[in-house]
C-alpha atoms as a PDB file:
ATOM      1  CA  UNK A   1      -3.869 -31.442   3.822  1.00  0.00           C
ATOM      2  CA  UNK A   2      -2.925 -28.655   6.221  1.00  0.00           C
ATOM      3  CA  UNK A   3      -2.924 -25.091   4.901  1.00  0.00           C
ATOM      4  CA  UNK A   4      -0.058 -22.735   5.802  1.00  0.00           C
ATOM      5  CA  UNK A   5      -0.299 -18.975   5.261  1.00  0.00           C
ATOM      6  CA  UNK A   6       3.163 -17.487   4.626  1.00  0.00           C
ATOM      7  CA  UNK A   7       3.441 -13.708   5.091  1.00  0.00           C
ATOM      8  CA  UNK A   8       6.822 -12.473   3.820  1.00  0.00           C
ATOM      9  CA  UNK A   9       7.515  -9.281   1.859  1.00  0.00           C
ATOM     10  CA  UNK A  10      10.787 -10.395   0.248  1.00  0.00           C
ATOM     11  CA  UNK A  11       9.836 -12.307  -2.953  1.00  0.00           C
ATOM     12  CA  UNK A  12      12.771 -14.748  -3.008  1.00  0.00           C
ATOM     13  CA  UNK A  13      12.319 -15.661   0.649  1.00  0.00           C
ATOM     14  CA  UNK A  14       8.574 -16.046   0.105  1.00  0.00           C
ATOM     15  CA  UNK A  15       9.170 -18.406  -2.813  1.00  0.00           C
ATOM     16  CA  UNK A  16      11.736 -20.396  -0.827  1.00  0.00           C
ATOM     17  CA  UNK A  17       9.362 -20.857   2.106  1.00  0.00           C
ATOM     18  CA  UNK A  18       6.526 -21.854  -0.204  1.00  0.00           C
ATOM     19  CA  UNK A  19       8.703 -24.402  -2.006  1.00  0.00           C
ATOM     20  CA  UNK A  20       9.972 -26.077   1.184  1.00  0.00           C
ATOM     21  CA  UNK A  21       6.561 -26.227   2.820  1.00  0.00           C
ATOM     22  CA  UNK A  22       4.880 -27.581  -0.303  1.00  0.00           C
ATOM     23  CA  UNK A  23       7.617 -30.194  -0.612  1.00  0.00           C
ATOM     24  CA  UNK A  24       6.823 -31.162   2.995  1.00  0.00           C
ATOM     25  CA  UNK A  25       3.207 -31.821   2.005  1.00  0.00           C
ATOM     26  CA  UNK A  26       1.456 -28.594   2.982  1.00  0.00           C
ATOM     27  CA  UNK A  27      -0.875 -26.415   0.947  1.00  0.00           C
ATOM     28  CA  UNK A  28       0.695 -22.947   0.985  1.00  0.00           C
ATOM     29  CA  UNK A  29      -0.796 -19.491   0.476  1.00  0.00           C
ATOM     30  CA  UNK A  30       1.934 -16.849   0.207  1.00  0.00           C
ATOM     31  CA  UNK A  31       1.365 -13.080   0.486  1.00  0.00           C
ATOM     32  CA  UNK A  32       3.648 -10.077   0.848  1.00  0.00           C
ATOM     33  CA  UNK A  33       1.999  -7.451   3.072  1.00  0.00           C
ATOM     34  CA  UNK A  34      -0.032  -7.058   6.260  1.00  0.00           C
ATOM     35  CA  UNK A  35      -3.478  -6.058   4.906  1.00  0.00           C
ATOM     36  CA  UNK A  36      -3.390  -8.870   2.325  1.00  0.00           C
ATOM     37  CA  UNK A  37      -2.372 -11.290   5.082  1.00  0.00           C
ATOM     38  CA  UNK A  38      -5.494 -10.462   7.077  1.00  0.00           C
ATOM     39  CA  UNK A  39      -7.672 -10.878   3.991  1.00  0.00           C
ATOM     40  CA  UNK A  40      -6.080 -14.252   3.234  1.00  0.00           C
ATOM     41  CA  UNK A  41      -6.459 -15.362   6.859  1.00  0.00           C
ATOM     42  CA  UNK A  42     -10.180 -14.538   6.904  1.00  0.00           C
ATOM     43  CA  UNK A  43     -10.794 -16.071   3.489  1.00  0.00           C
ATOM     44  CA  UNK A  44      -8.720 -19.248   3.766  1.00  0.00           C
ATOM     45  CA  UNK A  45      -8.747 -19.987   7.526  1.00  0.00           C
ATOM     46  CA  UNK A  46      -5.261 -21.579   7.470  1.00  0.00           C
ATOM     47  CA  UNK A  47      -4.095 -24.175   9.981  1.00  0.00           C
ATOM     48  CA  UNK A  48      -0.917 -22.192  10.749  1.00  0.00           C
ATOM     49  CA  UNK A  49       0.625 -18.829   9.854  1.00  0.00           C
ATOM     50  CA  UNK A  50       4.312 -18.076   9.249  1.00  0.00           C
ATOM     51  CA  UNK A  51       4.521 -14.325   9.788  1.00  0.00           C
ATOM     52  CA  UNK A  52       7.360 -11.904   9.044  1.00  0.00           C
ATOM     53  CA  UNK A  53       7.514  -8.798  11.263  1.00  0.00           C
ATOM     54  CA  UNK A  54       8.809  -6.218   8.784  1.00  0.00           C
ATOM     55  CA  UNK A  55       5.874  -5.860   6.391  1.00  0.00           C
ATOM     56  CA  UNK A  56       4.544  -3.028   4.228  1.00  0.00           C
ATOM     57  CA  UNK A  57       1.149  -1.567   5.033  1.00  0.00           C
ATOM     58  CA  UNK A  58       0.869  -3.136   8.502  1.00  0.00           C
ATOM     59  CA  UNK A  59       3.679  -4.653  10.542  1.00  0.00           C
ATOM     60  CA  UNK A  60       3.694  -8.220  11.785  1.00  0.00           C
ATOM     61  CA  UNK A  61       2.982  -7.281  15.406  1.00  0.00           C
ATOM     62  CA  UNK A  62      -0.264  -5.554  14.365  1.00  0.00           C
ATOM     63  CA  UNK A  63      -1.205  -8.450  12.085  1.00  0.00           C
ATOM     64  CA  UNK A  64      -0.662 -10.880  14.980  1.00  0.00           C
ATOM     65  CA  UNK A  65      -2.768  -8.749  17.338  1.00  0.00           C
ATOM     66  CA  UNK A  66      -5.601  -8.539  14.807  1.00  0.00           C
ATOM     67  CA  UNK A  67      -5.602 -12.297  14.217  1.00  0.00           C
ATOM     68  CA  UNK A  68      -5.522 -13.035  17.948  1.00  0.00           C
ATOM     69  CA  UNK A  69      -8.714 -10.998  18.415  1.00  0.00           C
ATOM     70  CA  UNK A  70     -10.449 -13.472  16.103  1.00  0.00           C
ATOM     71  CA  UNK A  71      -8.635 -16.800  16.346  1.00  0.00           C
ATOM     72  CA  UNK A  72      -6.204 -19.021  18.219  1.00  0.00           C
ATOM     73  CA  UNK A  73      -4.606 -20.271  14.974  1.00  0.00           C
ATOM     74  CA  UNK A  74      -0.927 -21.141  15.561  1.00  0.00           C
ATOM     75  CA  UNK A  75       1.479 -18.361  14.515  1.00  0.00           C
ATOM     76  CA  UNK A  76       5.228 -18.660  13.970  1.00  0.00           C
ATOM     77  CA  UNK A  77       7.016 -15.313  13.717  1.00  0.00           C
ATOM     78  CA  UNK A  78       9.858 -15.201  11.199  1.00  0.00           C
ATOM     79  CA  UNK A  79      12.133 -12.175  11.322  1.00  0.00           C
ATOM     80  CA  UNK A  80      15.634 -10.775  11.074  1.00  0.00           C
ATOM     81  CA  UNK A  81      15.236  -9.097  14.472  1.00  0.00           C
ATOM     82  CA  UNK A  82      17.378 -10.952  16.990  1.00  0.00           C
ATOM     83  CA  UNK A  83      17.002  -8.834  20.132  1.00  0.00           C
ATOM     84  CA  UNK A  84      15.390 -10.638  23.066  1.00  0.00           C
ATOM     85  CA  UNK A  85      12.919  -7.752  23.512  1.00  0.00           C
ATOM     86  CA  UNK A  86      11.561  -8.298  19.999  1.00  0.00           C
ATOM     87  CA  UNK A  87      11.158 -12.019  20.639  1.00  0.00           C
ATOM     88  CA  UNK A  88       9.319 -11.390  23.887  1.00  0.00           C
ATOM     89  CA  UNK A  89       7.010  -8.764  22.348  1.00  0.00           C
ATOM     90  CA  UNK A  90       6.163 -11.184  19.562  1.00  0.00           C
ATOM     91  CA  UNK A  91       5.237 -13.878  22.047  1.00  0.00           C
ATOM     92  CA  UNK A  92       3.299 -11.440  24.212  1.00  0.00           C
ATOM     93  CA  UNK A  93       1.046 -10.468  21.293  1.00  0.00           C
ATOM     94  CA  UNK A  94       0.192 -14.128  20.809  1.00  0.00           C
ATOM     95  CA  UNK A  95       2.805 -15.886  18.662  1.00  0.00           C
ATOM     96  CA  UNK A  96       3.476 -19.561  19.379  1.00  0.00           C
ATOM     97  CA  UNK A  97       7.071 -19.693  18.184  1.00  0.00           C
ATOM     98  CA  UNK A  98       9.813 -17.392  16.914  1.00  0.00           C
ATOM     99  CA  UNK A  99      12.410 -18.146  14.203  1.00  0.00           C
ATOM    100  CA  UNK A 100      15.180 -15.677  13.366  1.00  0.00           C
ATOM    101  CA  UNK A 101      16.834 -15.115   9.987  1.00  0.00           C
ATOM    102  CA  UNK A 102      19.051 -16.552   8.684  1.00  0.00           C
ATOM    103  CA  UNK A 103      17.414 -19.889   9.331  1.00  0.00           C
ATOM    104  CA  UNK A 104      17.436 -23.447   8.052  1.00  0.00           C
ATOM    105  CA  UNK A 105      14.311 -24.178   5.968  1.00  0.00           C
ATOM    106  CA  UNK A 106      14.399 -27.712   7.353  1.00  0.00           C
ATOM    107  CA  UNK A 107      14.304 -26.309  10.893  1.00  0.00           C
ATOM    108  CA  UNK A 108      11.322 -24.121   9.979  1.00  0.00           C
ATOM    109  CA  UNK A 109       9.458 -27.122   8.560  1.00  0.00           C
ATOM    110  CA  UNK A 110      10.226 -29.026  11.780  1.00  0.00           C
ATOM    111  CA  UNK A 111       8.934 -26.104  13.857  1.00  0.00           C
ATOM    112  CA  UNK A 112       5.753 -25.950  11.759  1.00  0.00           C
ATOM    113  CA  UNK A 113       5.122 -29.647  12.308  1.00  0.00           C
ATOM    114  CA  UNK A 114       5.832 -29.385  16.051  1.00  0.00           C
ATOM    115  CA  UNK A 115       3.428 -26.459  16.517  1.00  0.00           C
ATOM    116  CA  UNK A 116       0.734 -28.246  14.508  1.00  0.00           C
ATOM    117  CA  UNK A 117       1.168 -31.354  16.678  1.00  0.00           C
ATOM    118  CA  UNK A 118       0.625 -29.226  19.784  1.00  0.00           C
ATOM    119  CA  UNK A 119      -2.434 -27.633  18.200  1.00  0.00           C
ATOM    120  CA  UNK A 120      -3.886 -31.059  17.361  1.00  0.00           C
ATOM    121  CA  UNK A 121      -3.369 -32.266  20.912  1.00  0.00           C
ATOM    122  CA  UNK A 122      -1.491 -35.476  20.281  1.00  0.00           C
ATOM    123  CA  UNK A 123      -1.574 -36.541  23.930  1.00  0.00           C
ATOM    124  CA  UNK A 124      -2.931 -39.523  25.831  1.00  0.00           C
ATOM    125  CA  UNK A 125      -6.256 -38.345  27.291  1.00  0.00           C
ATOM    126  CA  UNK A 126      -5.821 -37.982  31.079  1.00  0.00           C
ATOM    127  CA  UNK A 127      -8.491 -37.103  33.653  1.00  0.00           C
ATOM    128  CA  UNK A 128      -9.953 -33.644  33.891  1.00  0.00           C
ATOM    129  CA  UNK A 129      -7.904 -31.523  36.302  1.00  0.00           C
ATOM    130  CA  UNK A 130      -9.740 -29.216  38.711  1.00  0.00           C
ATOM    131  CA  UNK A 131      -8.113 -26.733  41.048  1.00  0.00           C
ATOM    132  CA  UNK A 132     -10.315 -24.141  42.702  1.00  0.00           C
ATOM    133  CA  UNK A 133     -12.463 -22.572  39.969  1.00  0.00           C
ATOM    134  CA  UNK A 134     -10.084 -23.725  37.220  1.00  0.00           C
ATOM    135  CA  UNK A 135     -10.920 -26.783  35.098  1.00  0.00           C
ATOM    136  CA  UNK A 136      -8.441 -28.161  32.554  1.00  0.00           C
ATOM    137  CA  UNK A 137      -9.910 -30.834  30.283  1.00  0.00           C
ATOM    138  CA  UNK A 138      -6.900 -32.303  28.488  1.00  0.00           C
ATOM    139  CA  UNK A 139      -8.937 -34.638  26.274  1.00  0.00           C
ATOM    140  CA  UNK A 140     -11.257 -31.927  24.950  1.00  0.00           C
ATOM    141  CA  UNK A 141      -8.513 -29.287  25.167  1.00  0.00           C
ATOM    142  CA  UNK A 142     -10.864 -26.995  27.075  1.00  0.00           C
ATOM    143  CA  UNK A 143     -10.085 -24.655  29.950  1.00  0.00           C
ATOM    144  CA  UNK A 144     -12.743 -23.037  32.121  1.00  0.00           C
ATOM    145  CA  UNK A 145     -12.674 -20.602  34.989  1.00  0.00           C
ATOM    146  CA  UNK A 146     -15.959 -21.211  36.734  1.00  0.00           C
ATOM    147  CA  UNK A 147     -18.484 -21.460  33.881  1.00  0.00           C
ATOM    148  CA  UNK A 148     -16.427 -19.249  31.550  1.00  0.00           C
ATOM    149  CA  UNK A 149     -14.677 -20.958  28.647  1.00  0.00           C
ATOM    150  CA  UNK A 150     -11.135 -19.604  28.258  1.00  0.00           C
ATOM    151  CA  UNK A 151      -9.600 -19.411  24.783  1.00  0.00           C
ATOM    152  CA  UNK A 152      -5.901 -20.286  24.809  1.00  0.00           C
ATOM    153  CA  UNK A 153      -3.374 -20.463  22.002  1.00  0.00           C
ATOM    154  CA  UNK A 154      -1.908 -23.933  21.349  1.00  0.00           C
ATOM    155  CA  UNK A 155       1.320 -22.979  23.111  1.00  0.00           C
ATOM    156  CA  UNK A 156      -0.507 -21.544  26.123  1.00  0.00           C
ATOM    157  CA  UNK A 157      -2.586 -24.719  26.409  1.00  0.00           C
ATOM    158  CA  UNK A 158       0.499 -26.931  26.088  1.00  0.00           C
ATOM    159  CA  UNK A 159       2.253 -24.923  28.782  1.00  0.00           C
ATOM    160  CA  UNK A 160      -0.716 -25.109  31.165  1.00  0.00           C
ATOM    161  CA  UNK A 161      -1.252 -28.810  30.465  1.00  0.00           C
ATOM    162  CA  UNK A 162       2.411 -29.631  31.087  1.00  0.00           C
ATOM    163  CA  UNK A 163       2.335 -28.041  34.538  1.00  0.00           C
ATOM    164  CA  UNK A 164      -1.189 -29.159  35.445  1.00  0.00           C
ATOM    165  CA  UNK A 165      -0.258 -32.826  34.868  1.00  0.00           C
ATOM    166  CA  UNK A 166       2.379 -32.437  37.600  1.00  0.00           C
ATOM    167  CA  UNK A 167       0.873 -30.208  40.311  1.00  0.00           C
ATOM    168  CA  UNK A 168       3.469 -28.936  42.731  1.00  0.00           C
ATOM    169  CA  UNK A 169       6.430 -29.865  40.523  1.00  0.00           C
ATOM    170  CA  UNK A 170       8.799 -26.988  39.796  1.00  0.00           C
ATOM    171  CA  UNK A 171       9.742 -26.563  36.127  1.00  0.00           C
ATOM    172  CA  UNK A 172      12.661 -24.465  34.942  1.00  0.00           C
ATOM    173  CA  UNK A 173      12.108 -22.320  31.867  1.00  0.00           C
ATOM    174  CA  UNK A 174      14.305 -24.608  29.779  1.00  0.00           C
ATOM    175  CA  UNK A 175      12.337 -27.657  30.928  1.00  0.00           C
ATOM    176  CA  UNK A 176       9.083 -25.982  29.918  1.00  0.00           C
ATOM    177  CA  UNK A 177      10.529 -25.054  26.528  1.00  0.00           C
ATOM    178  CA  UNK A 178      11.607 -28.644  25.989  1.00  0.00           C
ATOM    179  CA  UNK A 179       8.185 -29.951  27.009  1.00  0.00           C
ATOM    180  CA  UNK A 180       6.176 -27.667  24.715  1.00  0.00           C
ATOM    181  CA  UNK A 181       8.573 -27.438  21.746  1.00  0.00           C
ATOM    182  CA  UNK A 182      10.401 -30.744  21.882  1.00  0.00           C
ATOM    183  CA  UNK A 183      13.762 -28.994  22.262  1.00  0.00           C
ATOM    184  CA  UNK A 184      15.150 -26.274  24.521  1.00  0.00           C
ATOM    185  CA  UNK A 185      16.913 -23.404  22.768  1.00  0.00           C
ATOM    186  CA  UNK A 186      19.486 -21.578  24.864  1.00  0.00           C
ATOM    187  CA  UNK A 187      18.622 -17.879  24.973  1.00  0.00           C
ATOM    188  CA  UNK A 188      14.920 -18.530  24.350  1.00  0.00           C
ATOM    189  CA  UNK A 189      14.014 -19.558  27.891  1.00  0.00           C
ATOM    190  CA  UNK A 190      12.814 -16.047  28.789  1.00  0.00           C
ATOM    191  CA  UNK A 191      10.150 -16.458  26.127  1.00  0.00           C
ATOM    192  CA  UNK A 192       8.359 -18.663  28.666  1.00  0.00           C
ATOM    193  CA  UNK A 193       7.810 -15.563  30.798  1.00  0.00           C
ATOM    194  CA  UNK A 194       5.790 -13.969  27.989  1.00  0.00           C
ATOM    195  CA  UNK A 195       3.582 -17.068  27.660  1.00  0.00           C
ATOM    196  CA  UNK A 196       3.106 -17.246  31.439  1.00  0.00           C
ATOM    197  CA  UNK A 197       2.091 -13.573  31.493  1.00  0.00           C
ATOM    198  CA  UNK A 198      -0.520 -14.172  28.781  1.00  0.00           C
ATOM    199  CA  UNK A 199      -1.777 -17.312  30.503  1.00  0.00           C
ATOM    200  CA  UNK A 200      -2.186 -15.557  33.838  1.00  0.00           C
ATOM    201  CA  UNK A 201      -4.114 -12.740  32.179  1.00  0.00           C
ATOM    202  CA  UNK A 202      -6.602 -15.334  30.942  1.00  0.00           C
ATOM    203  CA  UNK A 203      -7.037 -17.671  33.935  1.00  0.00           C
ATOM    204  CA  UNK A 204      -6.139 -15.694  37.058  1.00  0.00           C
ATOM    205  CA  UNK A 205      -8.580 -13.384  38.843  1.00  0.00           C
ATOM    206  CA  UNK A 206      -5.586 -11.212  39.785  1.00  0.00           C
ATOM    207  CA  UNK A 207      -2.637 -11.912  37.454  1.00  0.00           C
ATOM    208  CA  UNK A 208      -0.263 -10.023  39.773  1.00  0.00           C
ATOM    209  CA  UNK A 209      -1.198 -12.353  42.641  1.00  0.00           C
ATOM    210  CA  UNK A 210      -1.708 -15.686  40.880  1.00  0.00           C
ATOM    211  CA  UNK A 211      -3.470 -18.647  42.458  1.00  0.00           C
ATOM    212  CA  UNK A 212      -2.738 -21.315  39.881  1.00  0.00           C
ATOM    213  CA  UNK A 213       0.587 -20.681  38.135  1.00  0.00           C
ATOM    214  CA  UNK A 214       3.117 -19.821  40.800  1.00  0.00           C
ATOM    215  CA  UNK A 215       6.579 -18.342  40.385  1.00  0.00           C
ATOM    216  CA  UNK A 216       9.450 -20.117  42.100  1.00  0.00           C
ATOM    217  CA  UNK A 217      11.995 -17.310  42.233  1.00  0.00           C
ATOM    218  CA  UNK A 218      15.361 -18.110  40.765  1.00  0.00           C
ATOM    219  CA  UNK A 219      14.087 -21.404  39.339  1.00  0.00           C
ATOM    220  CA  UNK A 220      10.912 -21.237  37.237  1.00  0.00           C
ATOM    221  CA  UNK A 221       7.223 -22.021  37.681  1.00  0.00           C
ATOM    222  CA  UNK A 222       4.873 -24.587  39.146  1.00  0.00           C
ATOM    223  CA  UNK A 223       1.163 -25.361  39.081  1.00  0.00           C
ATOM    224  CA  UNK A 224      -0.688 -25.168  42.397  1.00  0.00           C
ATOM    225  CA  UNK A 225      -0.598 -28.532  44.111  1.00  0.00           C
ATOM    226  CA  UNK A 226      -3.942 -28.776  45.870  1.00  0.00           C
ATOM    227  CA  UNK A 227      -6.782 -30.147  43.769  1.00  0.00           C
ATOM    228  CA  UNK A 228     -10.402 -29.096  44.101  1.00  0.00           C
ATOM    229  CA  UNK A 229     -13.372 -31.419  44.592  1.00  0.00           C
END
């Protein structure tokens, strides 16, 4: 049974989330503030975290940053903030998905399941992909630059794997969203830019002059087409 950590300061919302997720078959740990969330994360090692941004003691952005220094556990941000800047900041600090209030509990459960599927790597094992110093092992879900193992979040890995399977193919932001989330949400396509930025920081020698993930201006992104030995 998968364990979900729910971090939500509003008691009725916290109870609602716990009830829906437990009904869906998950074990749920529910807490109401940032410091307690970090304690629960370190104690329980959940499979996924649903994280509100507006929290007492320590806001959700800081909680996400702290967790990302220790783990690649999937994180879904849940918040009443609807501005695109807030969504992008949340993704830049390492969140895998972003759900705004008010929301459908059934949609949240579907998002949780989709992110967990990505984290578990439910893909047909293809060959290892090598381009330059970059190695993407889709079966083991490992990425290396030279001999250095690179730690990616589930969403970052899914994004890299999607493009690496089709070197040279140009993907729009909406196409990438559909590939990694199963559905493309209008207005969310710019979130891909935040994931690409994080990915480049981890795999590119010079993120401002990338060798592997290339921008196709006015369209989207593509993975470098020439394969290494």
